[in-house]
Amino acid sequence: MSGIEVREAAWDDPAGEALRRAMEAEMELRYADRLAEFAARAEELQITLGVQAEKVVYVGVAYDEHGLPVGHAALRDAGPDVELKRMYVAPSHRGKGVSTALLAGAEEAARALGAARIILQTGDRQPDAVRLYEREGYTRVPVFAPYEWLTFSICMEKPL
């Protein structure tokens, strides 16, 4: 899809916040049967899977040709690496190149930050995401912290 523009934004940007809420709602539906188990386990292990705003080093919001925010991606500081977080495309714009544009923007930002690689975690009920990442040169790696207890995790990397 032509006309997609990825703009850098602050973590608290209203368009970004709305897209993250939409993603969370979709993931809650997709993984509904697992949520109670994960919440109890996270509390037991004192693990926070949410993104801490102070660790976010990049946010990209994708806009379509009409100026409508249609996608989101963020990078979290992970030592020598950055972790791709909250990659999301509105259902109405999937299959139109938004995710590829978001990923390119995140990779460009990661390189500018001097990151050695991008790492990410996704789930087994997100096969479209896995195909996208594989197509864009990401390869699977062992599940890394704090996701090792999430039995459905798929972790990937792309050296930069």
Protein backbone atom coordinates (compact mmCIF):
# COMPACT_ATOMS: atom_id res chain seq x y z
CA MET A 1 0.00 0.00 0.00
CA SER A 2 1.46 3.32 -0.94
CA GLY A 3 1.00 6.33 1.23
CA ILE A 4 2.08 4.72 4.53
CA GLU A 5 4.17 7.07 6.62
CA VAL A 6 5.85 6.02 9.86
CA ARG A 7 6.40 8.90 12.25
CA GLU A 8 8.44 8.79 15.42
CA ALA A 9 6.29 9.55 18.45
CA ALA A 10 6.47 9.72 22.23
CA TRP A 11 5.34 6.71 24.28
CA ASP A 12 2.39 8.72 25.58
CA ASP A 13 1.28 9.85 22.10
CA PRO A 14 -2.55 9.45 22.00
CA ALA A 15 -2.53 7.62 18.65
CA GLY A 16 0.08 5.19 19.93
CA GLU A 17 -1.80 4.63 23.17
CA ALA A 18 -5.02 3.89 21.26
CA LEU A 19 -3.24 1.39 19.01
CA ARG A 20 -1.66 -0.36 22.01
CA ARG A 21 -5.08 -0.64 23.68
CA ALA A 22 -6.48 -2.17 20.49
CA MET A 23 -3.60 -4.65 20.43
CA GLU A 24 -4.12 -5.59 24.08
CA ALA A 25 -7.83 -6.19 23.47
CA GLU A 26 -7.06 -8.40 20.47
CA MET A 27 -4.41 -10.39 22.35
CA GLU A 28 -6.77 -10.85 25.32
CA LEU A 29 -9.28 -12.47 22.95
CA ARG A 30 -6.66 -14.52 21.11
CA TYR A 31 -5.15 -15.90 24.33
CA ALA A 32 -8.25 -15.75 26.57
CA ASP A 33 -8.03 -19.39 27.66
CA ARG A 34 -4.45 -18.85 28.90
CA LEU A 35 -4.74 -15.47 30.63
CA ALA A 36 -5.63 -16.59 34.16
CA GLU A 37 -2.75 -19.07 34.20
CA PHE A 38 -0.27 -16.46 32.97
CA ALA A 39 -1.46 -13.76 35.37
CA ALA A 40 -1.12 -16.09 38.36
CA ARG A 41 2.33 -17.27 37.23
CA ALA A 42 3.55 -13.71 36.58
CA GLU A 43 2.44 -12.64 40.05
CA GLU A 44 4.10 -15.67 41.62
CA LEU A 45 7.38 -14.95 39.82
CA GLN A 46 7.06 -11.18 40.32
CA ILE A 47 7.46 -10.65 36.58
CA THR A 48 6.18 -7.64 34.72
CA LEU A 49 5.59 -8.19 31.02
CA GLY A 50 4.36 -4.67 30.41
CA VAL A 51 6.60 -2.09 28.83
CA GLN A 52 8.23 0.35 31.22
CA ALA A 53 8.05 3.76 29.58
CA GLU A 54 11.51 4.74 30.79
CA LYS A 55 13.03 1.81 28.86
CA VAL A 56 11.36 2.73 25.56
CA VAL A 57 13.92 4.17 23.14
CA TYR A 58 11.73 4.46 20.03
CA VAL A 59 8.05 4.55 19.10
CA GLY A 60 6.83 4.54 15.53
CA VAL A 61 3.22 5.17 14.53
CA ALA A 62 2.15 4.38 10.96
CA TYR A 63 -0.36 6.63 9.23
CA ASP A 64 -2.26 5.83 6.04
CA GLU A 65 -2.73 8.19 3.09
CA HIS A 66 -5.69 9.83 4.89
CA GLY A 67 -3.69 10.57 8.06
CA LEU A 68 -5.34 7.77 10.03
CA PRO A 69 -3.06 6.03 12.58
CA VAL A 70 -3.02 2.36 11.54
CA GLY A 71 0.04 0.76 13.17
CA HIS A 72 2.47 0.89 16.05
CA ALA A 73 5.90 -0.45 16.95
CA ALA A 74 8.26 0.35 19.82
CA LEU A 75 11.79 -0.52 20.83
CA ARG A 76 12.81 -1.21 24.42
CA ASP A 77 16.40 -0.94 25.64
CA ALA A 78 17.71 -4.46 26.26
CA GLY A 79 21.41 -3.87 26.94
CA PRO A 80 23.44 -4.17 23.73
CA ASP A 81 20.19 -5.09 21.95
CA VAL A 82 16.78 -3.53 21.53
CA GLU A 83 13.56 -5.48 21.89
CA LEU A 84 10.70 -4.93 19.47
CA LYS A 85 7.53 -4.36 21.48
CA ARG A 86 3.87 -3.71 20.73
CA MET A 87 4.08 -4.27 16.99
CA TYR A 88 0.50 -3.91 15.83
CA VAL A 89 -1.46 -3.13 12.66
CA ALA A 90 -5.15 -2.29 12.69
CA PRO A 91 -7.14 -5.17 11.15
CA SER A 92 -8.47 -2.89 8.39
CA HIS A 93 -4.92 -2.29 7.15
CA ARG A 94 -3.36 -5.74 7.40
CA GLY A 95 -1.80 -7.12 4.25
CA LYS A 96 -1.18 -3.62 2.90
CA GLY A 97 2.49 -3.11 3.80
CA VAL A 98 2.00 -1.34 7.12
CA SER A 99 3.90 -3.95 9.15
CA THR A 100 6.80 -3.90 6.71
CA ALA A 101 7.00 -0.11 6.96
CA LEU A 102 6.83 -0.23 10.77
CA LEU A 103 9.55 -2.86 10.93
CA ALA A 104 11.79 -0.89 8.56
CA GLY A 105 11.34 2.21 10.75
CA ALA A 106 12.17 0.26 13.90
CA GLU A 107 15.25 -1.29 12.30
CA GLU A 108 16.46 2.11 11.11
CA ALA A 109 15.99 3.51 14.63
CA ALA A 110 17.80 0.51 16.16
CA ARG A 111 20.78 1.04 13.87
CA ALA A 112 20.85 4.76 14.74
CA LEU A 113 20.87 3.79 18.42
CA GLY A 114 23.87 1.51 17.82
CA ALA A 115 22.07 -1.69 18.79
CA ALA A 116 23.77 -4.97 17.95
CA ARG A 117 20.50 -6.71 17.10
CA ILE A 118 16.75 -6.59 17.48
CA ILE A 119 15.15 -9.30 19.56
CA LEU A 120 11.45 -10.01 19.94
CA GLN A 121 8.90 -12.33 21.50
CA THR A 122 5.64 -13.33 19.89
CA GLY A 123 3.22 -16.17 20.44
CA ASP A 124 2.17 -19.38 18.77
CA ARG A 125 -1.25 -17.92 17.94
CA GLN A 126 0.29 -15.18 15.81
CA PRO A 127 1.45 -17.08 12.70
CA ASP A 128 1.15 -13.99 10.47
CA ALA A 129 3.61 -12.17 12.70
CA VAL A 130 6.04 -15.09 12.62
CA ARG A 131 5.84 -15.23 8.80
CA LEU A 132 6.48 -11.48 8.58
CA TYR A 133 9.53 -11.64 10.80
CA GLU A 134 10.94 -14.67 8.97
CA ARG A 135 10.38 -12.97 5.61
CA GLU A 136 12.24 -9.90 6.90
CA GLY A 137 15.30 -11.89 8.02
CA TYR A 138 14.53 -12.71 11.65
CA THR A 139 15.49 -16.16 12.92
CA ARG A 140 14.31 -18.10 15.92
CA VAL A 141 16.39 -18.13 19.07
CA PRO A 142 15.89 -19.84 22.43
CA VAL A 143 13.21 -18.18 24.52
CA PHE A 144 14.80 -15.43 26.60
CA ALA A 145 13.86 -13.81 29.92
CA PRO A 146 11.31 -12.90 31.03
CA TYR A 147 9.34 -15.07 28.60
CA GLU A 148 10.78 -18.50 29.37
CA TRP A 149 7.79 -19.53 31.47
CA LEU A 150 5.32 -18.63 28.71
CA THR A 151 5.07 -22.01 27.00
CA PHE A 152 3.70 -20.50 23.79
CA SER A 153 6.56 -18.02 23.28
CA ILE A 154 8.45 -17.73 20.04
CA CYS A 155 11.57 -15.58 20.28
CA MET A 156 13.50 -14.23 17.32
CA GLU A 157 16.48 -12.04 16.47
CA LYS A 158 17.94 -10.04 13.64
CA PRO A 159 21.55 -8.92 13.83
CA LEU A 160 21.97 -5.35 12.60
